[in-house]
All heavy atoms as atom14 arrays in JSON, in Angstrom:
{
  "sequence": "IDGRVLGARFAHPERRPEAALHREWHLRSSGAAAPVYFREPEHVN",
  "atom14_mask": [
    [1, 1, 1, 1, 1, 1, 1, 1, 0, 0, 0, 0, 0, 0],
    [1, 1, 1, 1, 1, 1, 1, 1, 0, 0, 0, 0, 0, 0],
    [1, 1, 1, 1, 0, 0, 0, 0, 0, 0, 0, 0, 0, 0],
    [1, 1, 1, 1, 1, 1, 1, 1, 1, 1, 1, 0, 0, 0],
    [1, 1, 1, 1, 1, 1, 1, 0, 0, 0, 0, 0, 0, 0],
    [1, 1, 1, 1, 1, 1, 1, 1, 0, 0, 0, 0, 0, 0],
    [1, 1, 1, 1, 0, 0, 0, 0, 0, 0, 0, 0, 0, 0],
    [1, 1, 1, 1, 1, 0, 0, 0, 0, 0, 0, 0, 0, 0],
    [1, 1, 1, 1, 1, 1, 1, 1, 1, 1, 1, 0, 0, 0],
    [1, 1, 1, 1, 1, 1, 1, 1, 1, 1, 1, 0, 0, 0],
    [1, 1, 1, 1, 1, 0, 0, 0, 0, 0, 0, 0, 0, 0],
    [1, 1, 1, 1, 1, 1, 1, 1, 1, 1, 0, 0, 0, 0],
    [1, 1, 1, 1, 1, 1, 1, 0, 0, 0, 0, 0, 0, 0],
    [1, 1, 1, 1, 1, 1, 1, 1, 1, 0, 0, 0, 0, 0],
    [1, 1, 1, 1, 1, 1, 1, 1, 1, 1, 1, 0, 0, 0],
    [1, 1, 1, 1, 1, 1, 1, 1, 1, 1, 1, 0, 0, 0],
    [1, 1, 1, 1, 1, 1, 1, 0, 0, 0, 0, 0, 0, 0],
    [1, 1, 1, 1, 1, 1, 1, 1, 1, 0, 0, 0, 0, 0],
    [1, 1, 1, 1, 1, 0, 0, 0, 0, 0, 0, 0, 0, 0],
    [1, 1, 1, 1, 1, 0, 0, 0, 0, 0, 0, 0, 0, 0],
    [1, 1, 1, 1, 1, 1, 1, 1, 0, 0, 0, 0, 0, 0],
    [1, 1, 1, 1, 1, 1, 1, 1, 1, 1, 0, 0, 0, 0],
    [1, 1, 1, 1, 1, 1, 1, 1, 1, 1, 1, 0, 0, 0],
    [1, 1, 1, 1, 1, 1, 1, 1, 1, 0, 0, 0, 0, 0],
    [1, 1, 1, 1, 1, 1, 1, 1, 1, 1, 1, 1, 1, 1],
    [1, 1, 1, 1, 1, 1, 1, 1, 1, 1, 0, 0, 0, 0],
    [1, 1, 1, 1, 1, 1, 1, 1, 0, 0, 0, 0, 0, 0],
    [1, 1, 1, 1, 1, 1, 1, 1, 1, 1, 1, 0, 0, 0],
    [1, 1, 1, 1, 1, 1, 0, 0, 0, 0, 0, 0, 0, 0],
    [1, 1, 1, 1, 1, 1, 0, 0, 0, 0, 0, 0, 0, 0],
    [1, 1, 1, 1, 0, 0, 0, 0, 0, 0, 0, 0, 0, 0],
    [1, 1, 1, 1, 1, 0, 0, 0, 0, 0, 0, 0, 0, 0],
    [1, 1, 1, 1, 1, 0, 0, 0, 0, 0, 0, 0, 0, 0],
    [1, 1, 1, 1, 1, 0, 0, 0, 0, 0, 0, 0, 0, 0],
    [1, 1, 1, 1, 1, 1, 1, 0, 0, 0, 0, 0, 0, 0],
    [1, 1, 1, 1, 1, 1, 1, 0, 0, 0, 0, 0, 0, 0],
    [1, 1, 1, 1, 1, 1, 1, 1, 1, 1, 1, 1, 0, 0],
    [1, 1, 1, 1, 1, 1, 1, 1, 1, 1, 1, 0, 0, 0],
    [1, 1, 1, 1, 1, 1, 1, 1, 1, 1, 1, 0, 0, 0],
    [1, 1, 1, 1, 1, 1, 1, 1, 1, 0, 0, 0, 0, 0],
    [1, 1, 1, 1, 1, 1, 1, 0, 0, 0, 0, 0, 0, 0],
    [1, 1, 1, 1, 1, 1, 1, 1, 1, 0, 0, 0, 0, 0],
    [1, 1, 1, 1, 1, 1, 1, 1, 1, 1, 0, 0, 0, 0],
    [1, 1, 1, 1, 1, 1, 1, 0, 0, 0, 0, 0, 0, 0],
    [1, 1, 1, 1, 1, 1, 1, 1, 0, 0, 0, 0, 0, 0]
  ],
  "atom14_positions": [
    [[101.61, -1.27, -1.7], [102.75, -2.11, -1.95], [102.88, -2.24, -3.49], [101.98, -2.62, -4.17], [102.51, -3.59, -1.37], [102.19, -3.47, 0.13], [103.7, -4.37, -1.58], [101.86, -4.85, 0.84], [0.0, 0.0, 0.0], [0.0, 0.0, 0.0], [0.0, 0.0, 0.0], [0.0, 0.0, 0.0], [0.0, 0.0, 0.0], [0.0, 0.0, 0.0]],
    [[104.1, -1.98, -3.96], [104.37, -2.04, -5.36], [103.44, -1.23, -6.23], [103.1, -1.66, -7.3], [104.34, -3.56, -5.83], [105.38, -4.33, -5.11], [106.46, -3.81, -4.78], [105.17, -5.58, -4.97], [0.0, 0.0, 0.0], [0.0, 0.0, 0.0], [0.0, 0.0, 0.0], [0.0, 0.0, 0.0], [0.0, 0.0, 0.0], [0.0, 0.0, 0.0]],
    [[103.04, -0.02, -5.67], [102.13, 0.81, -6.43], [100.62, 0.43, -6.37], [99.82, 1.18, -7.02], [0.0, 0.0, 0.0], [0.0, 0.0, 0.0], [0.0, 0.0, 0.0], [0.0, 0.0, 0.0], [0.0, 0.0, 0.0], [0.0, 0.0, 0.0], [0.0, 0.0, 0.0], [0.0, 0.0, 0.0], [0.0, 0.0, 0.0], [0.0, 0.0, 0.0]],
    [[100.3, -0.72, -5.8], [98.95, -1.1, -5.66], [98.41, -0.64, -4.31], [99.06, -0.89, -3.34], [98.92, -2.65, -5.75], [99.38, -3.17, -7.09], [99.53, -4.77, -7.01], [98.29, -5.41, -6.89], [97.55, -5.78, -7.88], [97.86, -5.51, -9.19], [96.4, -6.53, -7.72], [0.0, 0.0, 0.0], [0.0, 0.0, 0.0], [0.0, 0.0, 0.0]],
    [[97.22, -0.06, -4.32], [96.59, 0.52, -3.18], [95.44, -0.16, -2.73], [94.36, -0.21, -3.49], [96.33, 2.11, -3.41], [95.74, 2.69, -2.19], [97.53, 2.82, -4.03], [0.0, 0.0, 0.0], [0.0, 0.0, 0.0], [0.0, 0.0, 0.0], [0.0, 0.0, 0.0], [0.0, 0.0, 0.0], [0.0, 0.0, 0.0], [0.0, 0.0, 0.0]],
    [[95.38, -0.71, -1.53], [94.25, -1.25, -0.96], [93.68, -0.23, 0.02], [94.27, 0.2, 1.01], [94.54, -2.53, -0.14], [93.27, -3.16, 0.6], [92.28, -3.61, -0.38], [93.8, -4.34, 1.46], [0.0, 0.0, 0.0], [0.0, 0.0, 0.0], [0.0, 0.0, 0.0], [0.0, 0.0, 0.0], [0.0, 0.0, 0.0], [0.0, 0.0, 0.0]],
    [[92.52, 0.36, -0.28], [91.83, 1.33, 0.48], [91.4, 0.79, 1.85], [91.54, -0.39, 2.19], [0.0, 0.0, 0.0], [0.0, 0.0, 0.0], [0.0, 0.0, 0.0], [0.0, 0.0, 0.0], [0.0, 0.0, 0.0], [0.0, 0.0, 0.0], [0.0, 0.0, 0.0], [0.0, 0.0, 0.0], [0.0, 0.0, 0.0], [0.0, 0.0, 0.0]],
    [[90.99, 1.68, 2.73], [90.57, 1.34, 4.08], [88.95, 1.31, 4.11], [88.3, 2.02, 3.27], [91.12, 2.37, 5.03], [0.0, 0.0, 0.0], [0.0, 0.0, 0.0], [0.0, 0.0, 0.0], [0.0, 0.0, 0.0], [0.0, 0.0, 0.0], [0.0, 0.0, 0.0], [0.0, 0.0, 0.0], [0.0, 0.0, 0.0], [0.0, 0.0, 0.0]],
    [[88.53, 0.55, 5.03], [87.08, 0.59, 5.4], [87.04, 0.58, 6.89], [87.41, -0.36, 7.57], [86.32, -0.59, 4.86], [84.83, -0.6, 5.04], [84.11, -1.75, 4.48], [84.18, -1.68, 2.97], [83.27, -1.1, 2.28], [82.26, -0.46, 2.84], [83.43, -1.14, 0.99], [0.0, 0.0, 0.0], [0.0, 0.0, 0.0], [0.0, 0.0, 0.0]],
    [[86.73, 1.7, 7.54], [86.94, 1.95, 8.9], [85.77, 1.33, 9.72], [84.61, 1.17, 9.33], [86.97, 3.46, 9.23], [88.19, 4.12, 8.77], [88.36, 4.64, 7.58], [89.3, 4.16, 9.76], [89.53, 5.23, 7.14], [90.43, 4.72, 9.33], [90.65, 5.28, 8.12], [0.0, 0.0, 0.0], [0.0, 0.0, 0.0], [0.0, 0.0, 0.0]],
    [[86.16, 0.87, 10.9], [85.23, 0.18, 11.76], [84.2, 1.05, 12.43], [82.96, 0.7, 12.57], [85.95, -0.61, 12.89], [0.0, 0.0, 0.0], [0.0, 0.0, 0.0], [0.0, 0.0, 0.0], [0.0, 0.0, 0.0], [0.0, 0.0, 0.0], [0.0, 0.0, 0.0], [0.0, 0.0, 0.0], [0.0, 0.0, 0.0], [0.0, 0.0, 0.0]],
    [[84.67, 2.28, 12.81], [83.79, 3.22, 13.51], [83.29, 4.32, 12.61], [83.97, 4.88, 11.78], [84.6, 3.85, 14.7], [85.0, 2.96, 15.73], [84.1, 2.42, 16.7], [86.17, 2.34, 16.08], [84.7, 1.57, 17.49], [85.93, 1.54, 17.1], [0.0, 0.0, 0.0], [0.0, 0.0, 0.0], [0.0, 0.0, 0.0], [0.0, 0.0, 0.0]],
    [[81.95, 4.66, 12.76], [81.34, 5.63, 11.88], [82.01, 7.02, 11.87], [82.1, 7.7, 10.9], [79.97, 5.72, 12.3], [79.96, 5.17, 13.71], [81.04, 4.13, 13.69], [0.0, 0.0, 0.0], [0.0, 0.0, 0.0], [0.0, 0.0, 0.0], [0.0, 0.0, 0.0], [0.0, 0.0, 0.0], [0.0, 0.0, 0.0], [0.0, 0.0, 0.0]],
    [[82.71, 7.31, 13.11], [83.39, 8.57, 13.14], [84.46, 8.83, 12.12], [84.88, 9.93, 11.7], [83.94, 8.77, 14.47], [82.95, 9.02, 15.64], [82.46, 7.72, 16.18], [82.78, 6.64, 15.64], [81.8, 7.64, 17.23], [0.0, 0.0, 0.0], [0.0, 0.0, 0.0], [0.0, 0.0, 0.0], [0.0, 0.0, 0.0], [0.0, 0.0, 0.0]],
    [[84.99, 7.77, 11.69], [86.2, 7.7, 10.84], [85.95, 7.29, 9.3], [86.84, 7.49, 8.52], [87.39, 6.89, 11.36], [87.82, 7.38, 12.75], [89.29, 6.78, 13.03], [90.24, 7.33, 12.12], [91.52, 6.91, 12.1], [91.98, 6.0, 13.06], [92.36, 7.46, 11.28], [0.0, 0.0, 0.0], [0.0, 0.0, 0.0], [0.0, 0.0, 0.0]],
    [[84.76, 6.79, 9.06], [84.53, 6.29, 7.81], [84.67, 7.2, 6.63], [85.15, 6.88, 5.53], [83.08, 5.68, 7.8], [83.06, 4.35, 8.57], [81.67, 3.74, 8.69], [81.65, 2.56, 9.62], [80.6, 2.1, 10.28], [79.37, 2.66, 9.96], [80.68, 1.12, 11.08], [0.0, 0.0, 0.0], [0.0, 0.0, 0.0], [0.0, 0.0, 0.0]],
    [[84.33, 8.49, 6.83], [84.59, 9.44, 5.65], [86.01, 9.62, 5.32], [86.28, 10.1, 4.16], [83.9, 10.73, 6.26], [82.95, 10.3, 7.29], [83.51, 9.13, 7.94], [0.0, 0.0, 0.0], [0.0, 0.0, 0.0], [0.0, 0.0, 0.0], [0.0, 0.0, 0.0], [0.0, 0.0, 0.0], [0.0, 0.0, 0.0], [0.0, 0.0, 0.0]],
    [[86.9, 9.22, 6.12], [88.36, 9.41, 5.85], [88.75, 8.62, 4.57], [89.57, 8.95, 3.83], [89.23, 8.99, 6.99], [89.11, 9.84, 8.2], [89.94, 9.4, 9.36], [91.11, 8.86, 9.05], [89.54, 9.53, 10.55], [0.0, 0.0, 0.0], [0.0, 0.0, 0.0], [0.0, 0.0, 0.0], [0.0, 0.0, 0.0], [0.0, 0.0, 0.0]],
    [[88.1, 7.4, 4.44], [88.49, 6.45, 3.39], [88.29, 7.13, 2.0], [89.19, 7.0, 1.18], [87.63, 5.22, 3.42], [0.0, 0.0, 0.0], [0.0, 0.0, 0.0], [0.0, 0.0, 0.0], [0.0, 0.0, 0.0], [0.0, 0.0, 0.0], [0.0, 0.0, 0.0], [0.0, 0.0, 0.0], [0.0, 0.0, 0.0], [0.0, 0.0, 0.0]],
    [[87.22, 7.89, 1.8], [87.03, 8.57, 0.52], [88.11, 9.62, 0.2], [88.52, 9.7, -0.95], [85.63, 9.18, 0.5], [0.0, 0.0, 0.0], [0.0, 0.0, 0.0], [0.0, 0.0, 0.0], [0.0, 0.0, 0.0], [0.0, 0.0, 0.0], [0.0, 0.0, 0.0], [0.0, 0.0, 0.0], [0.0, 0.0, 0.0], [0.0, 0.0, 0.0]],
    [[88.53, 10.3, 1.17], [89.55, 11.38, 1.06], [90.91, 10.67, 0.6], [91.7, 11.16, -0.23], [89.76, 12.16, 2.26], [88.48, 12.98, 2.64], [88.87, 13.84, 3.83], [88.04, 13.87, 1.58], [0.0, 0.0, 0.0], [0.0, 0.0, 0.0], [0.0, 0.0, 0.0], [0.0, 0.0, 0.0], [0.0, 0.0, 0.0], [0.0, 0.0, 0.0]],
    [[91.27, 9.59, 1.25], [92.4, 8.85, 0.87], [92.3, 8.29, -0.63], [93.35, 8.41, -1.35], [92.72, 7.67, 1.84], [93.38, 8.12, 3.12], [94.69, 8.11, 3.3], [92.88, 8.48, 4.25], [95.06, 8.59, 4.48], [93.92, 8.76, 5.18], [0.0, 0.0, 0.0], [0.0, 0.0, 0.0], [0.0, 0.0, 0.0], [0.0, 0.0, 0.0]],
    [[91.13, 7.76, -0.87], [91.02, 7.25, -2.25], [91.26, 8.32, -3.3], [91.87, 8.2, -4.27], [89.58, 6.65, -2.38], [89.33, 6.12, -3.86], [87.88, 5.49, -3.77], [87.54, 4.83, -5.16], [87.15, 5.55, -6.18], [87.01, 6.87, -6.09], [86.95, 4.95, -7.34], [0.0, 0.0, 0.0], [0.0, 0.0, 0.0], [0.0, 0.0, 0.0]],
    [[90.5, 9.49, -3.04], [90.67, 10.66, -3.96], [92.1, 11.14, -4.03], [92.57, 11.46, -5.16], [89.79, 11.81, -3.43], [88.29, 11.49, -3.62], [87.48, 12.52, -2.88], [88.01, 13.56, -2.38], [86.23, 12.32, -2.71], [0.0, 0.0, 0.0], [0.0, 0.0, 0.0], [0.0, 0.0, 0.0], [0.0, 0.0, 0.0], [0.0, 0.0, 0.0]],
    [[92.86, 11.08, -2.98], [94.22, 11.55, -3.03], [95.08, 10.57, -3.85], [95.84, 11.06, -4.75], [94.85, 11.63, -1.58], [96.18, 12.23, -1.63], [96.57, 13.52, -1.44], [97.51, 11.5, -1.81], [97.91, 13.69, -1.58], [98.49, 12.44, -1.81], [97.76, 10.13, -2.06], [99.79, 12.1, -1.99], [99.04, 9.79, -2.19], [100.05, 10.73, -2.22]],
    [[94.9, 9.26, -3.71], [95.72, 8.34, -4.45], [95.4, 8.42, -5.94], [96.26, 8.34, -6.8], [95.43, 6.92, -3.94], [96.17, 6.57, -2.65], [97.5, 6.35, -2.57], [95.71, 6.39, -1.39], [97.86, 6.16, -1.37], [96.82, 6.15, -0.64], [0.0, 0.0, 0.0], [0.0, 0.0, 0.0], [0.0, 0.0, 0.0], [0.0, 0.0, 0.0]],
    [[94.05, 8.54, -6.25], [93.71, 8.55, -7.68], [94.27, 9.81, -8.34], [94.66, 9.87, -9.54], [92.22, 8.46, -7.81], [91.61, 7.05, -7.41], [90.17, 7.07, -7.53], [92.29, 5.99, -8.27], [0.0, 0.0, 0.0], [0.0, 0.0, 0.0], [0.0, 0.0, 0.0], [0.0, 0.0, 0.0], [0.0, 0.0, 0.0], [0.0, 0.0, 0.0]],
    [[94.14, 10.99, -7.55], [94.54, 12.28, -8.13], [96.06, 12.35, -8.37], [96.65, 12.86, -9.23], [94.05, 13.46, -7.17], [94.4, 14.78, -7.73], [93.69, 15.79, -6.85], [94.28, 15.86, -5.47], [93.6, 15.35, -4.42], [92.42, 14.9, -4.5], [94.18, 15.47, -3.28], [0.0, 0.0, 0.0], [0.0, 0.0, 0.0], [0.0, 0.0, 0.0]],
    [[96.75, 11.76, -7.29], [98.21, 11.95, -7.27], [98.95, 11.08, -8.17], [100.11, 11.36, -8.62], [98.83, 11.72, -5.8], [98.63, 10.37, -5.53], [0.0, 0.0, 0.0], [0.0, 0.0, 0.0], [0.0, 0.0, 0.0], [0.0, 0.0, 0.0], [0.0, 0.0, 0.0], [0.0, 0.0, 0.0], [0.0, 0.0, 0.0], [0.0, 0.0, 0.0]],
    [[98.32, 9.99, -8.69], [99.03, 9.14, -9.58], [99.2, 9.7, -10.89], [100.16, 9.37, -11.65], [98.18, 7.78, -9.69], [96.9, 8.0, -10.29], [0.0, 0.0, 0.0], [0.0, 0.0, 0.0], [0.0, 0.0, 0.0], [0.0, 0.0, 0.0], [0.0, 0.0, 0.0], [0.0, 0.0, 0.0], [0.0, 0.0, 0.0], [0.0, 0.0, 0.0]],
    [[98.36, 10.59, -11.38], [98.47, 11.22, -12.69], [98.01, 10.3, -13.83], [97.96, 8.99, -13.63], [0.0, 0.0, 0.0], [0.0, 0.0, 0.0], [0.0, 0.0, 0.0], [0.0, 0.0, 0.0], [0.0, 0.0, 0.0], [0.0, 0.0, 0.0], [0.0, 0.0, 0.0], [0.0, 0.0, 0.0], [0.0, 0.0, 0.0], [0.0, 0.0, 0.0]],
    [[97.67, 10.8, -14.92], [97.12, 10.09, -16.02], [98.13, 9.14, -16.68], [97.75, 8.05, -17.25], [96.57, 11.05, -17.04], [0.0, 0.0, 0.0], [0.0, 0.0, 0.0], [0.0, 0.0, 0.0], [0.0, 0.0, 0.0], [0.0, 0.0, 0.0], [0.0, 0.0, 0.0], [0.0, 0.0, 0.0], [0.0, 0.0, 0.0], [0.0, 0.0, 0.0]],
    [[99.35, 9.5, -16.63], [100.45, 8.64, -17.13], [100.61, 7.4, -16.55], [101.0, 6.35, -17.11], [101.73, 9.43, -17.19], [0.0, 0.0, 0.0], [0.0, 0.0, 0.0], [0.0, 0.0, 0.0], [0.0, 0.0, 0.0], [0.0, 0.0, 0.0], [0.0, 0.0, 0.0], [0.0, 0.0, 0.0], [0.0, 0.0, 0.0], [0.0, 0.0, 0.0]],
    [[100.46, 7.34, -15.15], [100.63, 6.18, -14.44], [99.49, 6.0, -13.4], [99.66, 6.22, -12.26], [102.04, 6.2, -13.67], [0.0, 0.0, 0.0], [0.0, 0.0, 0.0], [0.0, 0.0, 0.0], [0.0, 0.0, 0.0], [0.0, 0.0, 0.0], [0.0, 0.0, 0.0], [0.0, 0.0, 0.0], [0.0, 0.0, 0.0], [0.0, 0.0, 0.0]],
    [[98.31, 5.65, -13.9], [97.18, 5.5, -13.03], [97.36, 4.45, -11.9], [97.93, 3.38, -12.23], [96.04, 5.08, -13.94], [96.67, 4.49, -15.13], [97.97, 5.29, -15.3], [0.0, 0.0, 0.0], [0.0, 0.0, 0.0], [0.0, 0.0, 0.0], [0.0, 0.0, 0.0], [0.0, 0.0, 0.0], [0.0, 0.0, 0.0], [0.0, 0.0, 0.0]],
    [[96.98, 4.86, -10.7], [97.22, 3.87, -9.67], [96.23, 2.73, -9.71], [95.09, 2.91, -10.13], [97.12, 4.65, -8.26], [95.61, 5.07, -8.03], [97.57, 3.86, -7.08], [0.0, 0.0, 0.0], [0.0, 0.0, 0.0], [0.0, 0.0, 0.0], [0.0, 0.0, 0.0], [0.0, 0.0, 0.0], [0.0, 0.0, 0.0], [0.0, 0.0, 0.0]],
    [[96.71, 1.56, -9.26], [95.75, 0.39, -9.18], [95.16, 0.37, -7.78], [95.85, 0.0, -6.83], [96.53, -0.88, -9.48], [95.69, -2.15, -9.69], [96.27, -3.38, -10.02], [94.31, -2.04, -9.58], [95.4, -4.53, -10.22], [93.53, -3.16, -9.88], [94.09, -4.31, -10.1], [93.41, -5.51, -10.35], [0.0, 0.0, 0.0], [0.0, 0.0, 0.0]],
    [[93.91, 0.9, -7.73], [93.23, 1.06, -6.37], [92.18, 0.03, -6.24], [91.35, -0.08, -7.16], [92.66, 2.49, -6.29], [92.07, 2.76, -4.94], [92.93, 3.44, -4.02], [90.82, 2.45, -4.62], [92.29, 3.72, -2.71], [90.25, 2.8, -3.4], [91.02, 3.39, -2.41], [0.0, 0.0, 0.0], [0.0, 0.0, 0.0], [0.0, 0.0, 0.0]],
    [[92.1, -0.56, -5.05], [91.04, -1.4, -4.75], [90.17, -0.98, -3.6], [90.73, -0.65, -2.45], [91.55, -2.85, -4.39], [90.42, -3.87, -4.01], [90.96, -5.29, -3.59], [89.87, -6.16, -3.09], [89.17, -6.87, -3.88], [89.42, -7.02, -5.16], [88.23, -7.63, -3.35], [0.0, 0.0, 0.0], [0.0, 0.0, 0.0], [0.0, 0.0, 0.0]],
    [[88.81, -0.88, -3.83], [87.98, -0.45, -2.83], [87.6, -1.78, -1.95], [87.27, -2.76, -2.58], [86.64, 0.0, -3.35], [85.72, 0.67, -2.4], [86.18, 2.09, -1.96], [86.74, 2.78, -2.86], [86.06, 2.36, -0.82], [0.0, 0.0, 0.0], [0.0, 0.0, 0.0], [0.0, 0.0, 0.0], [0.0, 0.0, 0.0], [0.0, 0.0, 0.0]],
    [[87.92, -1.76, -0.66], [87.91, -3.0, 0.09], [86.43, -3.43, 0.39], [85.53, -2.55, 0.46], [88.59, -2.62, 1.38], [88.39, -1.2, 1.48], [88.47, -0.6, 0.12], [0.0, 0.0, 0.0], [0.0, 0.0, 0.0], [0.0, 0.0, 0.0], [0.0, 0.0, 0.0], [0.0, 0.0, 0.0], [0.0, 0.0, 0.0], [0.0, 0.0, 0.0]],
    [[86.23, -4.7, 0.41], [84.88, -5.27, 0.79], [84.78, -5.46, 2.26], [83.67, -5.29, 2.84], [84.69, -6.55, 0.08], [84.66, -6.55, -1.43], [84.43, -7.91, -2.03], [84.05, -8.8, -1.32], [84.72, -8.07, -3.19], [0.0, 0.0, 0.0], [0.0, 0.0, 0.0], [0.0, 0.0, 0.0], [0.0, 0.0, 0.0], [0.0, 0.0, 0.0]],
    [[85.92, -5.58, 2.94], [85.87, -5.92, 4.41], [86.61, -4.89, 5.16], [87.47, -4.07, 4.69], [86.46, -7.28, 4.53], [85.9, -8.37, 3.81], [84.55, -8.79, 4.09], [86.36, -9.13, 2.73], [84.34, -9.76, 3.17], [85.32, -9.99, 2.38], [0.0, 0.0, 0.0], [0.0, 0.0, 0.0], [0.0, 0.0, 0.0], [0.0, 0.0, 0.0]],
    [[86.24, -4.81, 6.45], [86.84, -3.77, 7.27], [88.31, -3.99, 7.45], [88.79, -5.04, 7.88], [86.17, -3.71, 8.66], [86.9, -2.8, 9.64], [84.67, -3.25, 8.55], [0.0, 0.0, 0.0], [0.0, 0.0, 0.0], [0.0, 0.0, 0.0], [0.0, 0.0, 0.0], [0.0, 0.0, 0.0], [0.0, 0.0, 0.0], [0.0, 0.0, 0.0]],
    [[89.09, -2.98, 7.08], [90.53, -2.92, 7.46], [90.9, -1.47, 7.62], [90.27, -0.55, 6.99], [91.4, -3.61, 6.29], [91.69, -2.65, 5.14], [92.6, -1.76, 5.33], [90.94, -2.67, 4.03], [0.0, 0.0, 0.0], [0.0, 0.0, 0.0], [0.0, 0.0, 0.0], [0.0, 0.0, 0.0], [0.0, 0.0, 0.0], [0.0, 0.0, 0.0]]
  ]
}
């Protein structure tokens, strides 16, 4: 929302590695000129 990215923390272990791939995509795609504001979540969402 508004360029701010709240990452995911998956409930099931089968899906937990997906979160890192999404995080890497957001950080890579934003570019150095406009770095994304990414938050690593503390709680499962």
